[in-house]
């Protein structure tokens, strides 16, 4: 009986921050998948195990959550002052598409490590001991990320004592600088606030009208006050993800927010753009118990934030959304800033379902427009497995 043989493709399975995904060097992909298009998408869908009507991704590398259904393609950069080009694909779990509309801030922490180990960074730029500064071009959104990767005895150091809430074991700290994270090409013609307002009245037919901060920084994000939605900001995943009505409500809010931000032209386009924008709700500090059982005191944080990704409440916080949080917190009058006490600040610590996270950002006004030069946070990364992924030879 005739059958199609599997092919094998060099790949590395990595954790970056509170996410994990399958990493590829561009030149290791089959020729038809080295360029954007249907062949590339079909290959990555099969690698991850999507679309899966069972929502488990059993027949692939995905982990059936937005944090674990991810792919990365890296290549040496031809751009001046950059080492590597980084392309991120968010793979839908139950639908046959890959969303290329945004970055993954968590997996950004693993990009520098992979690039060094894969020989994509000039060896002259990697010290024998110390910190390698890897200049990353984030191709999805056209932005620069600077990764500070620890090096020991000429190799990437992955182990260490840096602890990150949402990650079980400590590892080596990787500091990330997201340069000029606002002013993306889309949504408002490059404006950090695409509507021109720090706070808008967002009308969502069938749901209500809410005060909202709509911001393009790190990733397009819609911030709403938790109390306006009937929440406290202390919710864990189960409180939201087990409630189909709540998930439907958040998706409706996200779709109307995307329309208001200019990210889509028609409401039905939101279904094919699941990765962006994000929707999050904020609240003033309260005591709560994180998903690990760790007690978070109100005095430990400046505010509480819960964010949804790919239709579900995130177990911790997306790295790009953290950039949006840090940026909005630095601008007096945004809902994020007001929840954090309404004071001027250049760093904020917020509580999320898995614990707390600190992110720094400095914002200023130039010719009446808000700008932020960079946002800074620390994550960690580790290789989980390396070798080959296998897929049937006729899938792309």
Protein backbone atom coordinates (compact mmCIF):
# COMPACT_ATOMS: atom_id res chain seq x y z
CA UNK A 1 0.00 0.00 0.00
CA UNK A 2 1.44 3.37 -1.04
CA UNK A 3 2.16 5.85 1.69
CA UNK A 4 3.81 9.23 2.08
CA UNK A 5 7.09 9.21 3.97
CA UNK A 6 7.79 11.71 6.69
CA UNK A 7 10.43 14.37 6.22
CA UNK A 8 12.59 15.71 9.03
CA UNK A 9 13.51 19.35 9.56
CA UNK A 10 16.15 20.67 11.99
CA UNK A 11 14.41 22.42 14.87
CA UNK A 12 14.83 23.44 18.49
CA UNK A 13 12.09 23.39 21.11
CA UNK A 14 12.64 26.32 23.48
CA UNK A 15 11.08 28.04 26.44
CA UNK A 16 11.23 31.80 26.38
CA UNK A 17 9.72 33.63 29.36
CA UNK A 18 6.36 32.02 30.13
CA UNK A 19 5.92 30.62 26.60
CA UNK A 20 7.50 27.87 24.55
CA UNK A 21 7.67 27.18 20.84
CA UNK A 22 9.45 25.51 17.95
CA UNK A 23 12.41 27.48 16.56
CA UNK A 24 13.78 27.14 13.01
CA UNK A 25 16.64 28.61 11.05
CA UNK A 26 15.15 29.92 7.83
CA UNK A 27 17.60 28.03 5.63
CA UNK A 28 16.71 24.72 7.31
CA UNK A 29 13.11 24.93 6.13
CA UNK A 30 12.03 23.23 2.89
CA UNK A 31 12.52 25.61 -0.02
CA UNK A 32 8.81 26.30 -0.54
CA UNK A 33 8.47 27.23 3.16
CA UNK A 34 11.39 29.66 3.13
CA UNK A 35 9.07 32.35 1.79
CA UNK A 36 5.77 33.57 3.26
CA UNK A 37 2.69 31.84 1.94
CA UNK A 38 0.43 28.81 2.06
CA UNK A 39 3.25 26.24 2.07
CA UNK A 40 4.93 27.80 5.11
CA UNK A 41 1.64 28.08 7.00
CA UNK A 42 0.66 24.49 6.19
CA UNK A 43 4.03 23.22 7.40
CA UNK A 44 3.89 25.10 10.70
CA UNK A 45 0.29 24.06 11.32
CA UNK A 46 1.31 20.40 10.93
CA UNK A 47 4.40 20.83 13.11
CA UNK A 48 2.29 22.24 15.94
CA UNK A 49 -0.64 19.87 15.38
CA UNK A 50 -3.35 22.21 14.13
CA UNK A 51 -6.17 22.57 13.40
CA UNK A 52 -7.30 20.22 16.13
CA UNK A 53 -11.05 19.96 16.83
CA UNK A 54 -10.18 18.22 20.10
CA UNK A 55 -8.20 21.32 21.26
CA UNK A 56 -5.31 19.12 22.44
CA UNK A 57 -2.69 19.25 19.63
CA UNK A 58 -1.83 15.64 20.44
CA UNK A 59 -0.39 15.02 16.95
CA UNK A 60 2.08 17.87 17.08
CA UNK A 61 4.46 19.93 19.19
CA UNK A 62 1.85 22.37 20.50
CA UNK A 63 0.63 22.39 24.08
CA UNK A 64 -2.98 23.42 23.35
CA UNK A 65 -2.66 26.89 24.88
CA UNK A 66 -1.85 30.26 23.38
CA UNK A 67 1.47 30.16 25.28
CA UNK A 68 2.55 26.87 23.71
CA UNK A 69 1.18 27.06 20.15
CA UNK A 70 4.02 29.14 18.76
CA UNK A 71 6.69 29.04 16.06
CA UNK A 72 9.77 31.16 15.34
CA UNK A 73 11.85 31.53 12.17
CA UNK A 74 15.27 33.17 12.42
CA UNK A 75 17.81 34.26 9.82
CA UNK A 76 21.01 36.26 9.66
CA UNK A 77 20.08 39.88 9.20
CA UNK A 78 21.13 41.95 6.21
CA UNK A 79 20.04 45.10 8.03
CA UNK A 80 22.65 47.49 9.33
CA UNK A 81 23.25 47.25 13.06
CA UNK A 82 21.21 44.06 13.44
CA UNK A 83 22.40 40.49 13.93
CA UNK A 84 19.29 38.42 13.32
CA UNK A 85 15.82 38.72 11.79
CA UNK A 86 13.09 37.24 13.97
CA UNK A 87 9.68 36.21 12.60
CA UNK A 88 6.98 34.94 14.96
CA UNK A 89 3.98 32.82 14.01
CA UNK A 90 1.09 32.33 16.46
CA UNK A 91 -0.57 29.08 15.41
CA UNK A 92 -4.31 28.78 15.92
CA UNK A 93 -5.24 25.68 17.89
CA UNK A 94 -8.61 24.83 16.34
CA UNK A 95 -8.53 26.75 13.05
CA UNK A 96 -6.27 26.38 9.99
CA UNK A 97 -4.32 29.61 10.13
CA UNK A 98 -1.11 31.14 11.44
CA UNK A 99 -1.34 34.72 12.72
CA UNK A 100 1.68 36.83 11.71
CA UNK A 101 0.25 40.15 12.94
CA UNK A 102 2.35 40.64 16.08
CA UNK A 103 5.35 39.70 18.17
CA UNK A 104 5.73 37.32 21.12
CA UNK A 105 7.56 39.18 23.88
CA UNK A 106 8.16 36.03 25.89
CA UNK A 107 9.79 34.06 23.07
CA UNK A 108 11.85 37.17 22.31
CA UNK A 109 13.90 36.12 25.34
CA UNK A 110 14.98 32.95 23.54
CA UNK A 111 15.83 34.56 20.19
CA UNK A 112 19.30 35.76 21.16
CA UNK A 113 20.21 32.42 22.73
CA UNK A 114 19.11 30.45 19.67
CA UNK A 115 20.80 32.88 17.28
CA UNK A 116 24.15 32.55 19.06
CA UNK A 117 23.97 28.75 19.31
CA UNK A 118 22.89 28.42 15.67
CA UNK A 119 25.79 30.54 14.41
CA UNK A 120 23.59 33.40 13.24
CA UNK A 121 25.58 35.97 15.27
CA UNK A 122 29.12 37.00 14.34
CA UNK A 123 31.39 35.10 16.79
CA UNK A 124 33.39 38.32 17.24
CA UNK A 125 30.34 39.79 18.99
CA UNK A 126 30.14 36.97 21.52
CA UNK A 127 32.51 37.23 24.51
CA UNK A 128 34.09 34.13 26.01
CA UNK A 129 32.64 35.20 29.35
CA UNK A 130 30.23 38.05 29.98
CA UNK A 131 27.11 39.26 28.20
CA UNK A 132 26.49 39.12 24.45
CA UNK A 133 24.39 41.98 23.10
CA UNK A 134 22.25 40.58 20.29
CA UNK A 135 20.53 43.09 18.02
CA UNK A 136 17.24 41.58 16.86
CA UNK A 137 15.04 42.85 14.03
CA UNK A 138 11.44 41.88 14.87
CA UNK A 139 10.12 41.37 11.37
CA UNK A 140 6.40 41.09 12.22
CA UNK A 141 6.18 44.66 13.48
CA UNK A 142 9.38 46.23 12.17
CA UNK A 143 10.99 46.93 15.53
CA UNK A 144 14.36 46.43 17.22
CA UNK A 145 14.84 44.31 20.32
CA UNK A 146 18.16 44.23 22.18
CA UNK A 147 18.77 40.95 24.02
CA UNK A 148 21.45 40.74 26.69
CA UNK A 149 22.44 37.07 26.76
CA UNK A 150 24.80 35.71 29.47
CA UNK A 151 27.79 33.76 28.13
CA UNK A 152 29.99 31.36 30.11
CA UNK A 153 33.05 29.65 28.60
CA UNK A 154 32.00 30.68 25.11
CA UNK A 155 28.50 29.17 25.31
CA UNK A 156 25.07 30.54 26.15
CA UNK A 157 24.43 30.25 29.89
CA UNK A 158 20.94 28.92 30.50
CA UNK A 159 20.98 27.95 34.16
CA UNK A 160 20.99 30.45 37.00
CA UNK A 161 19.05 31.75 39.97
CA UNK A 162 16.72 34.23 38.24
CA UNK A 163 13.11 33.45 39.16
CA UNK A 164 10.17 34.39 36.93
CA UNK A 165 6.61 33.99 38.17
CA UNK A 166 4.82 31.60 35.84
CA UNK A 167 7.98 29.49 35.32
CA UNK A 168 8.58 26.65 37.76
CA UNK A 169 12.39 26.55 37.83
CA UNK A 170 15.02 29.32 38.04
CA UNK A 171 17.30 30.04 35.08
CA UNK A 172 19.76 32.63 33.78
CA UNK A 173 18.42 36.18 33.45
CA UNK A 174 18.05 37.65 29.96
CA UNK A 175 17.37 41.38 29.86
CA UNK A 176 15.34 42.64 26.91
CA UNK A 177 15.12 46.18 25.59
CA UNK A 178 12.17 46.84 23.28
CA UNK A 179 13.29 49.87 21.31
CA UNK A 180 10.68 52.42 20.19
CA UNK A 181 7.94 49.89 21.00
CA UNK A 182 5.13 52.25 20.03
CA UNK A 183 4.30 53.86 16.69
CA UNK A 184 3.69 50.67 14.77
CA UNK A 185 3.01 50.93 11.08
CA UNK A 186 -0.61 49.93 11.45
CA UNK A 187 -3.41 51.35 13.52
CA UNK A 188 -3.47 55.13 13.71
CA UNK A 189 -0.70 55.76 11.18
CA UNK A 190 2.03 55.15 13.70
CA UNK A 191 0.49 56.86 16.71
CA UNK A 192 0.86 55.29 20.15
CA UNK A 193 -2.77 56.20 20.79
CA UNK A 194 -4.53 55.54 17.47
CA UNK A 195 -7.67 57.47 18.44
CA UNK A 196 -5.65 60.42 19.73
CA UNK A 197 -7.05 59.94 23.24
CA UNK A 198 -5.61 58.50 26.44
CA UNK A 199 -9.08 57.24 27.36
CA UNK A 200 -11.99 56.55 25.01
CA UNK A 201 -15.60 55.55 25.41
CA UNK A 202 -15.63 52.17 23.67
CA UNK A 203 -19.15 51.25 22.58
CA UNK A 204 -19.66 47.51 22.24
CA UNK A 205 -23.18 46.74 20.95
CA UNK A 206 -24.94 44.14 23.04
CA UNK A 207 -22.35 44.43 25.81
CA UNK A 208 -22.08 48.07 26.92
CA UNK A 209 -19.97 51.20 26.71
CA UNK A 210 -16.68 51.17 28.60
CA UNK A 211 -13.87 53.55 29.41
CA UNK A 212 -10.87 52.16 27.52
CA UNK A 213 -7.23 52.97 26.86
CA UNK A 214 -6.36 51.88 23.32
CA UNK A 215 -2.60 51.76 22.87
CA UNK A 216 -0.03 50.58 20.33
CA UNK A 217 3.08 49.79 22.36
CA UNK A 218 4.71 46.38 22.28
CA UNK A 219 1.45 45.04 20.90
CA UNK A 220 -1.90 46.73 20.26
CA UNK A 221 -3.83 46.45 23.54
CA UNK A 222 -7.27 47.41 24.83
CA UNK A 223 -7.28 48.22 28.56
CA UNK A 224 -10.58 48.34 30.49
CA UNK A 225 -11.27 48.79 34.20
CA UNK A 226 -11.98 45.44 35.85
CA UNK A 227 -14.91 46.77 37.89
CA UNK A 228 -16.67 47.96 34.72
CA UNK A 229 -16.72 44.34 33.59
CA UNK A 230 -17.83 42.98 36.94
CA UNK A 231 -14.38 41.72 37.97
CA UNK A 232 -11.90 42.57 40.74
CA UNK A 233 -8.64 42.01 38.89
CA UNK A 234 -7.71 39.08 41.17
CA UNK A 235 -9.23 36.43 38.87
CA UNK A 236 -7.29 33.32 37.89
CA UNK A 237 -7.70 31.37 34.65
CA UNK A 238 -10.56 29.18 35.83
CA UNK A 239 -12.80 32.12 36.66
CA UNK A 240 -12.72 33.35 33.06
CA UNK A 241 -11.86 30.38 30.87
CA UNK A 242 -14.64 28.20 32.31
CA UNK A 243 -17.22 30.86 31.46
CA UNK A 244 -18.23 30.73 27.76
CA UNK A 245 -20.32 33.90 28.09
CA UNK A 246 -17.36 35.81 29.49
CA UNK A 247 -15.05 34.60 26.72
CA UNK A 248 -17.61 35.58 24.08
CA UNK A 249 -17.98 39.00 25.71
CA UNK A 250 -14.21 39.58 25.69
CA UNK A 251 -13.97 38.55 22.05
CA UNK A 252 -16.73 41.00 21.13
CA UNK A 253 -14.93 43.76 23.05
CA UNK A 254 -11.68 42.83 21.27
CA UNK A 255 -13.31 42.97 17.84
CA UNK A 256 -14.88 46.39 18.39
CA UNK A 257 -11.63 47.63 19.92
CA UNK A 258 -9.70 46.45 16.85
CA UNK A 259 -12.14 48.31 14.65
CA UNK A 260 -11.82 51.48 16.74
CA UNK A 261 -8.00 51.24 16.61
CA UNK A 262 -8.01 50.93 12.84
CA UNK A 263 -6.45 47.47 12.91
CA UNK A 264 -9.32 46.05 10.88
CA UNK A 265 -11.77 47.64 8.44
CA UNK A 266 -14.66 45.26 8.98
CA UNK A 267 -15.78 43.52 12.16
CA UNK A 268 -15.61 40.02 10.69
CA UNK A 269 -11.86 40.44 10.05
CA UNK A 270 -11.20 40.05 13.79
CA UNK A 271 -11.73 36.27 13.56
CA UNK A 272 -8.69 35.98 11.28
CA UNK A 273 -6.58 38.20 13.51
CA UNK A 274 -6.66 36.42 16.85
CA UNK A 275 -3.18 37.41 18.04
CA UNK A 276 -3.82 41.17 17.98
CA UNK A 277 -5.08 43.27 19.58
CA UNK A 278 -4.98 41.99 23.14
CA UNK A 279 -7.67 42.86 25.65
CA UNK A 280 -6.82 43.33 29.32
CA UNK A 281 -8.52 44.57 32.47
CA UNK A 282 -6.87 46.53 35.26
CA UNK A 283 -7.58 47.22 38.92
CA UNK A 284 -6.03 48.81 41.97
CA UNK A 285 -3.97 46.50 44.20
CA UNK A 286 -5.72 43.83 46.27
CA UNK A 287 -4.50 40.77 48.15
CA UNK A 288 -4.88 37.53 46.20
CA UNK A 289 -3.44 34.04 45.90
CA UNK A 290 -1.62 33.28 42.64
CA UNK A 291 -2.17 30.07 40.71
CA UNK A 292 0.93 28.54 42.33
CA UNK A 293 -0.51 29.17 45.81
CA UNK A 294 1.82 32.10 46.39
CA UNK A 295 0.23 34.92 48.40
CA UNK A 296 0.43 38.29 46.65
CA UNK A 297 -0.12 41.25 48.96
CA UNK A 298 -1.60 44.52 47.77
CA UNK A 299 1.57 46.24 48.94
CA UNK A 300 3.68 44.03 46.64
CA UNK A 301 2.30 45.57 43.44
CA UNK A 302 1.30 48.88 41.91
CA UNK A 303 -1.78 47.47 40.16
CA UNK A 304 -3.42 44.25 38.97
CA UNK A 305 -3.69 43.24 35.32
CA UNK A 306 -5.36 40.27 33.65
CA UNK A 307 -5.00 39.79 29.89
CA UNK A 308 -6.50 37.49 27.29
CA UNK A 309 -4.57 35.89 24.46
CA UNK A 310 -6.06 33.87 21.60
CA UNK A 311 -9.45 33.90 23.28
CA UNK A 312 -8.41 32.74 26.76
CA UNK A 313 -7.16 34.38 29.94
CA UNK A 314 -3.36 34.11 29.94
CA UNK A 315 -1.78 32.11 32.74
CA UNK A 316 0.72 34.91 33.44
CA UNK A 317 1.36 37.88 31.13
CA UNK A 318 2.38 38.15 27.50
CA UNK A 319 5.73 39.92 27.19
CA UNK A 320 4.48 42.35 24.57
CA UNK A 321 1.43 43.15 26.71
CA UNK A 322 3.81 43.83 29.59
CA UNK A 323 5.48 46.44 27.36
CA UNK A 324 2.06 47.99 26.76
CA UNK A 325 1.40 47.97 30.52
CA UNK A 326 4.73 49.61 31.33
CA UNK A 327 4.26 52.24 28.64
CA UNK A 328 0.68 53.08 29.61
CA UNK A 329 1.64 53.21 33.30
CA UNK A 330 4.25 55.87 32.48
CA UNK A 331 1.65 58.18 30.92
CA UNK A 332 -0.53 60.10 33.37
CA UNK A 333 -4.22 59.73 32.67
CA UNK A 334 -4.37 56.29 31.07
CA UNK A 335 -6.47 53.65 32.82
CA UNK A 336 -3.30 51.72 33.61
CA UNK A 337 -1.66 54.77 35.16
CA UNK A 338 -4.78 55.60 37.17
CA UNK A 339 -5.06 52.04 38.50
CA UNK A 340 -1.41 52.34 39.57
CA UNK A 341 -2.17 55.46 41.60
CA UNK A 342 -2.09 58.14 38.92
CA UNK A 343 1.49 59.24 39.66
CA UNK A 344 4.40 59.74 37.28
CA UNK A 345 6.61 56.66 37.11
CA UNK A 346 9.25 55.02 34.93
CA UNK A 347 8.66 51.46 36.17
CA UNK A 348 5.70 49.48 37.41
CA UNK A 349 5.22 46.13 39.16
CA UNK A 350 1.90 44.50 38.42
CA UNK A 351 0.13 41.41 39.66
CA UNK A 352 -0.95 38.74 37.17
CA UNK A 353 -2.47 35.25 37.67
CA UNK A 354 0.92 33.59 38.27
CA UNK A 355 2.50 36.30 40.44
CA UNK A 356 4.15 39.64 39.71
CA UNK A 357 6.28 41.24 37.01
CA UNK A 358 8.24 44.48 36.82
CA UNK A 359 8.63 46.42 33.58
CA UNK A 360 10.26 49.78 33.01
CA UNK A 361 9.41 52.43 30.43
CA UNK A 362 9.99 56.15 30.07
CA UNK A 363 7.50 58.16 28.03
CA UNK A 364 7.55 61.76 26.88
CA UNK A 365 5.65 64.09 24.57
CA UNK A 366 7.25 65.26 21.34
CA UNK A 367 5.30 67.75 19.21
CA UNK A 368 2.15 66.78 21.09
CA UNK A 369 2.58 63.04 20.47
CA UNK A 370 3.49 60.54 23.16
CA UNK A 371 6.66 58.56 22.48
CA UNK A 372 8.58 55.93 24.41
CA UNK A 373 12.19 55.21 23.50
CA UNK A 374 12.36 51.77 25.07
CA UNK A 375 10.78 49.40 27.52
CA UNK A 376 12.88 47.04 29.62
CA UNK A 377 12.11 43.75 31.32
CA UNK A 378 13.90 40.60 32.38
CA UNK A 379 12.94 37.09 31.30
CA UNK A 380 14.76 33.78 30.97
CA UNK A 381 15.09 31.12 28.28
CA UNK A 382 16.17 27.51 27.94
CA UNK A 383 16.54 24.85 25.25
CA UNK A 384 14.14 22.00 26.01
CA UNK A 385 14.98 19.74 23.06
CA UNK A 386 16.90 19.99 19.82
CA UNK A 387 17.16 17.81 16.75
CA UNK A 388 14.46 17.36 14.12
CA UNK A 389 10.71 17.68 13.83
CA UNK A 390 8.98 15.27 11.48
CA UNK A 391 5.94 15.88 9.32
CA UNK A 392 4.29 13.90 6.50
CA UNK A 393 5.91 14.91 3.22
CA UNK A 394 2.66 15.93 1.55
CA UNK A 395 1.41 18.52 4.07
CA UNK A 396 2.74 21.59 2.25
